[in-house]
Protein backbone atom coordinates (compact mmCIF):
# COMPACT_ATOMS: atom_id res chain seq x y z
CA UNK A 1 78.34 139.76 30.23
CA UNK A 2 81.19 137.29 30.82
CA UNK A 3 80.44 134.77 33.59
CA UNK A 4 83.92 134.73 35.10
CA UNK A 5 82.84 132.79 38.18
CA UNK A 6 81.67 129.96 35.92
CA UNK A 7 84.88 130.13 33.84
CA UNK A 8 87.00 129.87 37.00
CA UNK A 9 85.11 126.77 38.18
CA UNK A 10 85.21 125.11 34.76
CA UNK A 11 88.70 125.95 33.52
CA UNK A 12 90.91 127.05 36.41
CA UNK A 13 90.03 125.54 39.79
CA UNK A 14 87.91 122.82 38.15
CA UNK A 15 85.80 122.68 41.32
CA UNK A 16 82.03 123.09 41.46
CA UNK A 17 82.13 124.04 45.13
CA UNK A 18 84.64 125.85 47.28
CA UNK A 19 87.84 123.98 48.12
CA UNK A 20 87.15 124.84 51.76
CA UNK A 21 83.45 123.94 51.91
CA UNK A 22 84.13 120.83 54.03
CA UNK A 23 86.23 122.82 56.52
CA UNK A 24 83.61 125.56 56.74
CA UNK A 25 80.99 122.92 57.46
CA UNK A 26 83.25 121.13 59.97
CA UNK A 27 84.01 124.31 61.92
CA UNK A 28 80.75 126.19 61.37
CA UNK A 29 79.70 126.17 65.01
CA UNK A 30 83.16 127.09 66.26
CA UNK A 31 83.43 129.93 63.73
CA UNK A 32 79.98 131.21 64.66
CA UNK A 33 80.78 131.17 68.37
CA UNK A 34 84.14 132.92 67.97
CA UNK A 35 82.79 135.59 65.59
CA UNK A 36 79.41 136.26 67.24
CA UNK A 37 79.03 139.87 68.46
CA UNK A 38 82.69 140.67 67.85
CA UNK A 39 84.03 144.04 66.69
CA UNK A 40 86.14 143.76 63.55
CA UNK A 41 88.77 145.88 61.81
CA UNK A 42 89.82 144.99 58.26
CA UNK A 43 92.79 146.84 56.75
CA UNK A 44 93.08 146.65 52.98
CA UNK A 45 89.47 145.55 52.78
CA UNK A 46 88.75 146.94 49.30
CA UNK A 47 91.11 144.53 47.53
CA UNK A 48 90.14 141.15 46.15
CA UNK A 49 91.23 139.08 49.15
CA UNK A 50 90.19 141.61 51.79
CA UNK A 51 86.71 142.12 50.31
CA UNK A 52 86.15 138.37 50.03
CA UNK A 53 87.33 137.93 53.63
CA UNK A 54 84.65 140.45 54.61
CA UNK A 55 82.02 138.55 52.60
CA UNK A 56 83.01 135.30 54.31
CA UNK A 57 82.97 137.02 57.71
CA UNK A 58 79.50 138.54 57.17
CA UNK A 59 77.96 135.11 56.71
CA UNK A 60 78.21 135.24 60.51
CA UNK A 61 77.07 138.00 62.91
CA UNK A 62 79.40 140.71 64.16
CA UNK A 63 78.62 143.78 66.25
CA UNK A 64 80.69 146.27 64.27
CA UNK A 65 82.90 146.42 61.19
CA UNK A 66 85.45 149.08 60.29
CA UNK A 67 87.18 148.84 56.91
CA UNK A 68 90.28 150.83 56.00
CA UNK A 69 91.83 151.07 52.52
CA UNK A 70 93.68 153.69 50.48
CA UNK A 71 91.43 152.88 47.49
CA UNK A 72 88.46 155.22 47.97
CA UNK A 73 86.69 153.97 44.84
CA UNK A 74 87.25 150.38 45.91
CA UNK A 75 85.63 151.08 49.29
CA UNK A 76 82.66 152.68 47.57
CA UNK A 77 82.16 149.62 45.40
CA UNK A 78 82.56 147.33 48.44
CA UNK A 79 79.73 149.14 50.26
CA UNK A 80 77.49 149.07 47.19
CA UNK A 81 78.24 145.40 46.59
CA UNK A 82 77.46 144.37 50.17
CA UNK A 83 74.31 146.49 50.50
CA UNK A 84 72.99 145.35 47.11
CA UNK A 85 72.92 141.72 48.26
CA UNK A 86 70.85 139.78 50.78
CA UNK A 87 73.67 137.31 51.48
CA UNK A 88 75.41 139.24 54.24
CA UNK A 89 74.69 140.15 57.86
CA UNK A 90 75.79 143.79 57.72
CA UNK A 91 76.07 145.23 61.25
CA UNK A 92 74.49 148.56 62.17
CA UNK A 93 77.96 149.85 62.98
CA UNK A 94 79.63 149.61 59.58
CA UNK A 95 82.13 152.30 58.60
CA UNK A 96 84.74 152.63 55.86
CA UNK A 97 87.72 154.99 55.84
CA UNK A 98 89.82 155.78 52.74
CA UNK A 99 93.13 156.20 54.54
CA UNK A 100 96.58 154.65 54.77
CA UNK A 101 96.95 152.52 57.91
CA UNK A 102 100.37 154.09 58.38
CA UNK A 103 98.89 157.60 58.72
CA UNK A 104 98.54 159.31 62.10
CA UNK A 105 94.76 159.62 61.60
CA UNK A 106 94.55 155.81 61.57
CA UNK A 107 95.57 155.66 65.24
CA UNK A 108 92.90 158.23 66.10
CA UNK A 109 90.25 156.13 64.36
CA UNK A 110 91.55 152.96 66.01
CA UNK A 111 91.49 154.41 69.52
CA UNK A 112 88.11 156.10 69.00
CA UNK A 113 86.44 152.81 68.05
CA UNK A 114 87.94 151.02 71.06
CA UNK A 115 89.65 147.64 71.19
CA UNK A 116 88.79 145.42 68.23
CA UNK A 117 88.19 141.72 68.85
CA UNK A 118 89.31 140.71 65.35
CA UNK A 119 91.92 142.54 63.25
CA UNK A 120 92.88 141.42 59.74
CA UNK A 121 95.52 143.17 57.64
CA UNK A 122 95.46 142.73 53.85
CA UNK A 123 97.36 145.93 53.00
CA UNK A 124 100.34 144.80 50.95
CA UNK A 125 102.42 145.27 47.85
CA UNK A 126 101.82 141.93 46.17
CA UNK A 127 103.42 142.23 42.73
CA UNK A 128 106.91 141.14 41.70
CA UNK A 129 106.87 144.26 39.50
CA UNK A 130 107.19 146.28 42.73
CA UNK A 131 110.96 145.78 42.71
CA UNK A 132 111.48 147.72 39.44
CA UNK A 133 113.66 150.37 41.14
CA UNK A 134 114.81 151.57 44.54
CA UNK A 135 111.81 153.87 45.05
CA UNK A 136 109.24 151.14 44.46
CA UNK A 137 111.28 148.80 46.68
CA UNK A 138 111.28 151.31 49.53
CA UNK A 139 107.51 151.78 49.23
CA UNK A 140 107.01 148.01 49.25
CA UNK A 141 109.20 147.38 52.30
CA UNK A 142 107.60 150.24 54.21
CA UNK A 143 104.14 148.89 53.49
CA UNK A 144 104.82 145.18 53.96
CA UNK A 145 107.13 145.44 56.99
CA UNK A 146 107.61 148.82 58.65
CA UNK A 147 103.92 149.77 58.73
CA UNK A 148 103.08 146.26 59.91
CA UNK A 149 105.38 146.79 62.88
CA UNK A 150 103.73 150.11 63.64
CA UNK A 151 100.35 148.35 63.63
CA UNK A 152 101.61 145.59 65.94
CA UNK A 153 103.02 148.12 68.39
CA UNK A 154 99.56 149.68 68.52
CA UNK A 155 97.91 146.30 69.05
CA UNK A 156 100.15 145.62 72.05
CA UNK A 157 98.22 148.34 73.87
CA UNK A 158 94.87 147.18 72.45
CA UNK A 159 95.26 143.42 71.98
CA UNK A 160 92.63 141.67 69.83
CA UNK A 161 91.44 138.10 70.29
CA UNK A 162 92.49 137.29 66.71
CA UNK A 163 95.03 138.96 64.43
CA UNK A 164 95.65 137.93 60.84
CA UNK A 165 98.17 139.32 58.37
CA UNK A 166 98.26 137.97 54.83
CA UNK A 167 101.49 136.46 53.45
CA UNK A 168 102.30 134.77 50.13
CA UNK A 169 103.58 131.46 48.74
CA UNK A 170 106.54 133.52 47.46
CA UNK A 171 107.79 133.72 51.06
CA UNK A 172 108.85 130.06 50.79
CA UNK A 173 112.41 130.06 49.40
CA UNK A 174 111.99 133.62 48.03
CA UNK A 175 113.64 134.65 44.75
CA UNK A 176 112.27 138.20 44.63
CA UNK A 177 112.25 141.13 47.05
CA UNK A 178 108.47 140.97 47.40
CA UNK A 179 108.71 137.36 48.61
CA UNK A 180 111.61 138.22 50.90
CA UNK A 181 109.64 141.15 52.33
CA UNK A 182 106.78 138.79 53.16
CA UNK A 183 109.12 136.24 54.73
CA UNK A 184 110.57 139.00 56.89
CA UNK A 185 107.00 140.13 57.66
CA UNK A 186 106.18 136.60 58.87
CA UNK A 187 109.16 136.67 61.21
CA UNK A 188 108.25 140.17 62.37
CA UNK A 189 104.65 139.37 63.25
CA UNK A 190 105.56 136.09 64.95
CA UNK A 191 108.02 137.91 67.20
CA UNK A 192 104.84 139.36 68.77
CA UNK A 193 103.02 136.00 68.91
CA UNK A 194 103.56 135.53 72.64
CA UNK A 195 101.67 138.79 73.24
CA UNK A 196 99.05 138.73 70.47
CA UNK A 197 97.35 135.67 68.87
CA UNK A 198 98.82 135.97 65.36
CA UNK A 199 98.06 133.88 62.26
CA UNK A 200 98.94 134.19 58.58
CA UNK A 201 98.48 132.33 55.29
CA UNK A 202 100.50 131.59 52.19
CA UNK A 203 98.33 130.81 49.25
CA UNK A 204 97.94 130.51 45.52
CA UNK A 205 97.20 133.10 42.88
CA UNK A 206 93.67 134.44 43.16
CA UNK A 207 92.03 134.01 39.75
CA UNK A 208 91.08 137.36 38.18
CA UNK A 209 92.09 139.33 41.28
CA UNK A 210 92.60 143.09 41.04
CA UNK A 211 95.71 143.88 39.04
CA UNK A 212 96.35 140.27 38.01
CA UNK A 213 97.32 139.15 34.52
CA UNK A 214 93.96 137.41 34.14
CA UNK A 215 92.01 140.52 35.07
CA UNK A 216 94.24 142.30 32.57
CA UNK A 217 92.93 140.01 29.83
CA UNK A 218 89.41 141.32 30.49
CA UNK A 219 90.57 144.94 30.58
CA UNK A 220 92.42 144.53 27.26
CA UNK A 221 89.39 142.84 25.74
CA UNK A 222 87.08 145.71 26.73
CA UNK A 223 89.47 148.15 25.03
CA UNK A 224 90.19 145.94 22.00
CA UNK A 225 93.85 145.81 22.98
CA UNK A 226 96.06 142.72 22.44
CA UNK A 227 96.95 140.25 25.14
CA UNK A 228 100.49 139.59 26.33
CA UNK A 229 101.13 136.30 28.14
CA UNK A 230 104.22 134.44 29.41
CA UNK A 231 104.87 130.87 28.32
CA UNK A 232 105.34 127.96 30.71
CA UNK A 233 104.69 129.85 33.97
CA UNK A 234 102.59 127.46 36.05
CA UNK A 235 100.68 128.61 39.10
CA UNK A 236 98.30 127.33 41.77
CA UNK A 237 94.94 129.11 41.76
CA UNK A 238 92.05 129.68 44.13
CA UNK A 239 88.87 131.61 43.37
CA UNK A 240 88.27 135.04 44.93
CA UNK A 241 85.66 133.49 47.21
CA UNK A 242 88.09 130.77 48.31
CA UNK A 243 90.77 133.36 49.11
CA UNK A 244 88.47 135.04 51.64
CA UNK A 245 87.34 131.75 53.17
CA UNK A 246 90.93 130.57 53.58
CA UNK A 247 91.88 133.74 55.42
CA UNK A 248 88.79 133.65 57.64
CA UNK A 249 89.44 130.06 58.73
CA UNK A 250 93.10 130.85 59.38
CA UNK A 251 92.27 134.02 61.30
CA UNK A 252 89.61 132.52 63.56
CA UNK A 253 90.55 128.84 63.88
CA UNK A 254 94.34 129.03 63.85
CA UNK A 255 96.68 129.04 66.83
CA UNK A 256 99.17 131.82 67.39
CA UNK A 257 102.17 131.32 65.13
CA UNK A 258 100.32 129.25 62.51
CA UNK A 259 100.91 129.66 58.77
CA UNK A 260 98.06 128.23 56.68
CA UNK A 261 98.20 127.07 53.06
CA UNK A 262 95.77 125.31 50.70
CA UNK A 263 96.25 121.59 50.12
CA UNK A 264 96.92 121.62 46.39
CA UNK A 265 99.13 119.20 44.45
CA UNK A 266 101.41 119.92 41.51
CA UNK A 267 98.81 118.53 39.12
CA UNK A 268 96.58 121.46 40.14
CA UNK A 269 99.02 124.01 38.70
CA UNK A 270 97.97 125.64 35.42
CA UNK A 271 100.13 127.65 32.99
CA UNK A 272 98.98 131.17 32.17
CA UNK A 273 99.17 130.49 28.43
CA UNK A 274 96.66 127.63 28.81
CA UNK A 275 94.25 129.91 30.66
CA UNK A 276 94.57 132.49 27.89
CA UNK A 277 93.68 129.92 25.24
CA UNK A 278 90.81 128.53 27.34
CA UNK A 279 89.41 132.02 27.94
CA UNK A 280 89.46 132.83 24.23
CA UNK A 281 87.68 129.55 23.52
CA UNK A 282 85.14 130.38 26.26
CA UNK A 283 84.52 133.67 24.44
CA UNK A 284 84.15 131.87 21.09
CA UNK A 285 87.35 133.45 19.80
CA UNK A 286 90.40 131.94 18.13
CA UNK A 287 93.93 132.94 19.00
CA UNK A 288 95.97 134.97 16.53
CA UNK A 289 99.57 134.35 17.64
CA UNK A 290 101.80 137.39 17.15
CA UNK A 291 105.59 137.42 16.89
CA UNK A 292 106.12 140.77 18.60
CA UNK A 293 104.25 143.30 20.75
CA UNK A 294 104.16 145.74 17.83
CA UNK A 295 102.61 143.09 15.58
CA UNK A 296 99.95 142.42 18.23
CA UNK A 297 99.14 146.14 18.56
CA UNK A 298 98.95 146.57 14.77
CA UNK A 299 96.57 143.62 14.41
CA UNK A 300 94.39 144.80 17.31
CA UNK A 301 93.80 148.13 15.53
CA UNK A 302 92.26 146.23 12.61
CA UNK A 303 89.82 144.21 14.75
CA UNK A 304 86.24 144.45 13.59
CA UNK A 305 83.16 144.01 15.73
CA UNK A 306 82.59 140.57 14.21
CA UNK A 307 86.21 139.40 14.31
CA UNK A 308 86.61 135.81 15.49
CA UNK A 309 90.38 136.05 16.02
CA UNK A 310 92.16 137.84 18.84
CA UNK A 311 95.86 138.84 18.88
CA UNK A 312 98.05 137.38 21.62
CA UNK A 313 101.78 137.85 22.08
CA UNK A 314 103.27 134.86 23.93
CA UNK A 315 106.77 135.36 25.33
CA UNK A 316 109.39 133.61 27.43
CA UNK A 317 109.52 135.16 30.91
CA UNK A 318 112.74 137.04 31.64
CA UNK A 319 111.82 139.48 34.42
CA UNK A 320 113.70 139.76 37.72
CA UNK A 321 112.43 137.62 40.57
CA UNK A 322 110.20 135.40 38.43
CA UNK A 323 109.83 131.89 39.83
CA UNK A 324 108.82 129.21 37.34
CA UNK A 325 107.00 127.17 40.00
CA UNK A 326 105.23 127.65 43.34
CA UNK A 327 105.69 126.12 46.77
CA UNK A 328 103.90 126.75 50.03
CA UNK A 329 106.50 125.45 52.49
CA UNK A 330 110.15 124.46 52.74
CA UNK A 331 111.61 121.08 53.64
CA UNK A 332 112.62 122.35 57.09
CA UNK A 333 109.15 123.50 58.14
CA UNK A 334 106.90 121.37 60.38
CA UNK A 335 103.52 120.58 58.85
CA UNK A 336 100.13 119.71 60.31
CA UNK A 337 98.10 118.07 57.54
CA UNK A 338 95.44 116.46 59.73
CA UNK A 339 93.59 119.24 61.58
CA UNK A 340 91.84 120.57 58.47
CA UNK A 341 90.49 118.81 55.40
CA UNK A 342 91.80 121.13 52.69
CA UNK A 343 94.20 123.31 54.63
CA UNK A 344 97.68 122.50 55.79
CA UNK A 345 99.32 124.39 58.64
CA UNK A 346 102.99 125.20 59.17
CA UNK A 347 103.59 124.89 62.90
CA UNK A 348 106.30 125.98 65.32
CA UNK A 349 108.04 128.46 63.05
CA UNK A 350 111.24 129.88 64.45
CA UNK A 351 110.45 132.87 66.66
CA UNK A 352 112.95 135.66 66.26
CA UNK A 353 113.69 137.99 69.13
CA UNK A 354 112.15 141.43 68.72
CA UNK A 355 115.56 143.02 69.22
CA UNK A 356 116.98 140.89 66.40
CA UNK A 357 114.13 141.97 64.14
CA UNK A 358 114.75 145.57 65.18
CA UNK A 359 118.37 145.40 64.03
CA UNK A 360 117.52 144.38 60.47
CA UNK A 361 114.70 146.95 60.28
CA UNK A 362 117.15 149.64 61.42
CA UNK A 363 119.56 148.57 58.68
CA UNK A 364 116.79 148.89 56.13
CA UNK A 365 115.82 152.35 57.43
CA UNK A 366 119.48 153.46 57.30
CA UNK A 367 119.77 152.36 53.70
CA UNK A 368 116.64 154.35 52.83
CA UNK A 369 118.31 157.44 54.28
CA UNK A 370 121.31 156.96 51.96
CA UNK A 371 120.94 159.05 48.80
CA UNK A 372 123.28 156.69 46.96
CA UNK A 373 121.03 153.73 47.66
CA UNK A 374 121.10 150.84 45.15
CA UNK A 375 118.82 147.84 44.73
CA UNK A 376 121.74 145.52 45.47
CA UNK A 377 122.15 147.13 48.92
CA UNK A 378 118.65 146.04 49.89
CA UNK A 379 119.18 142.58 48.41
CA UNK A 380 122.39 142.14 50.44
CA UNK A 381 120.72 143.19 53.72
CA UNK A 382 117.86 140.77 53.14
CA UNK A 383 120.23 137.96 52.13
CA UNK A 384 122.20 138.49 55.33
CA UNK A 385 119.04 137.98 57.36
CA UNK A 386 117.27 135.41 55.17
CA UNK A 387 119.82 132.75 54.15
CA UNK A 388 117.35 131.05 51.78
CA UNK A 389 116.76 134.27 49.81
CA UNK A 390 118.15 133.56 46.35
CA UNK A 391 117.39 136.66 44.34
CA UNK A 392 116.96 136.29 40.57
CA UNK A 393 118.17 139.45 38.83
CA UNK A 394 117.79 139.89 35.07
CA UNK A 395 117.70 143.68 34.87
CA UNK A 396 114.19 143.56 33.38
CA UNK A 397 110.78 144.22 34.91
CA UNK A 398 107.12 143.85 33.97
CA UNK A 399 106.67 147.57 33.28
CA UNK A 400 108.69 146.91 30.13
CA UNK A 401 105.97 144.52 28.91
CA UNK A 402 102.47 145.16 27.55
């Protein structure tokens, strides 16, 4: 069995303990007091970040926990994982529902369980590949923005003490529609921040998260399929555990309107191709560099059980919306770098009027109702509302890669 947690510590984060261990220790009493005997709703709780948020939360004591996710199998594994460990304080009232939080049945569940003290939303389209065509773009915008608004309208009638909605580093100076959707989501949720205590977080790639390139390496390995990896794409990384801890601290300790991010420097960024080489070395394998995808597939078919070489196709990234670097904030945003040890906070973000937000959402809905809809129509609407949205279009997407 591959010890991925050890590999992450040794080769990716290069930290023996959590980046946020000092902040968790510093705010332990405050977290305990604010979480104690609270009722909690987690949306998107079967994913990597959502499930690790739940694990961080259950180090404390809550009265009830409801988890919603469209991934029925993921929820099943979450329950098995939690109940197979003695690390978590699982409340007697613990229920999971495999539903979409945009469905009508979600409201029935929400109302039936009564007002939740803590609500955290991790339901999101997170991949740049989600802008491959107009249908995937519509699904992404509905999930990241329109359903979020529907949830907020419900929370107005049942206001929680804490509300958290996950964002992304790609919302800072976005170059893809996913990042722009999250930037618009930030502005949407903060337009409610005078009515509901709202917090969010932009953070790094989560190492070996569900659907990630790194997790894909393990899937390909198990099937004796070749790896495909971009060259020179550097990213910040946190471990799955750290992703949950970051979101918990932001959710419970933040002030309404806060955007949290991890304090990482550019020297902490690692290129994907280096991780690929390190992982092969960790597995006692040597890289077999392939010139094309077809070459890599051909070589993989000839792999023996005792083979010490593994085929990898390295390529120059050329997909739409791909940013060669990461940033957590823009030069115009106000930063608090003193309140937390390893977390920075973007303060006093511009609060858009709900009516102003409503206008752009109506434009998006109108475009969806147009049968002649094109990707460029969505890009133009978002550019008109987000002046710093500089979309990178190459006409290629990740579904055209291995």
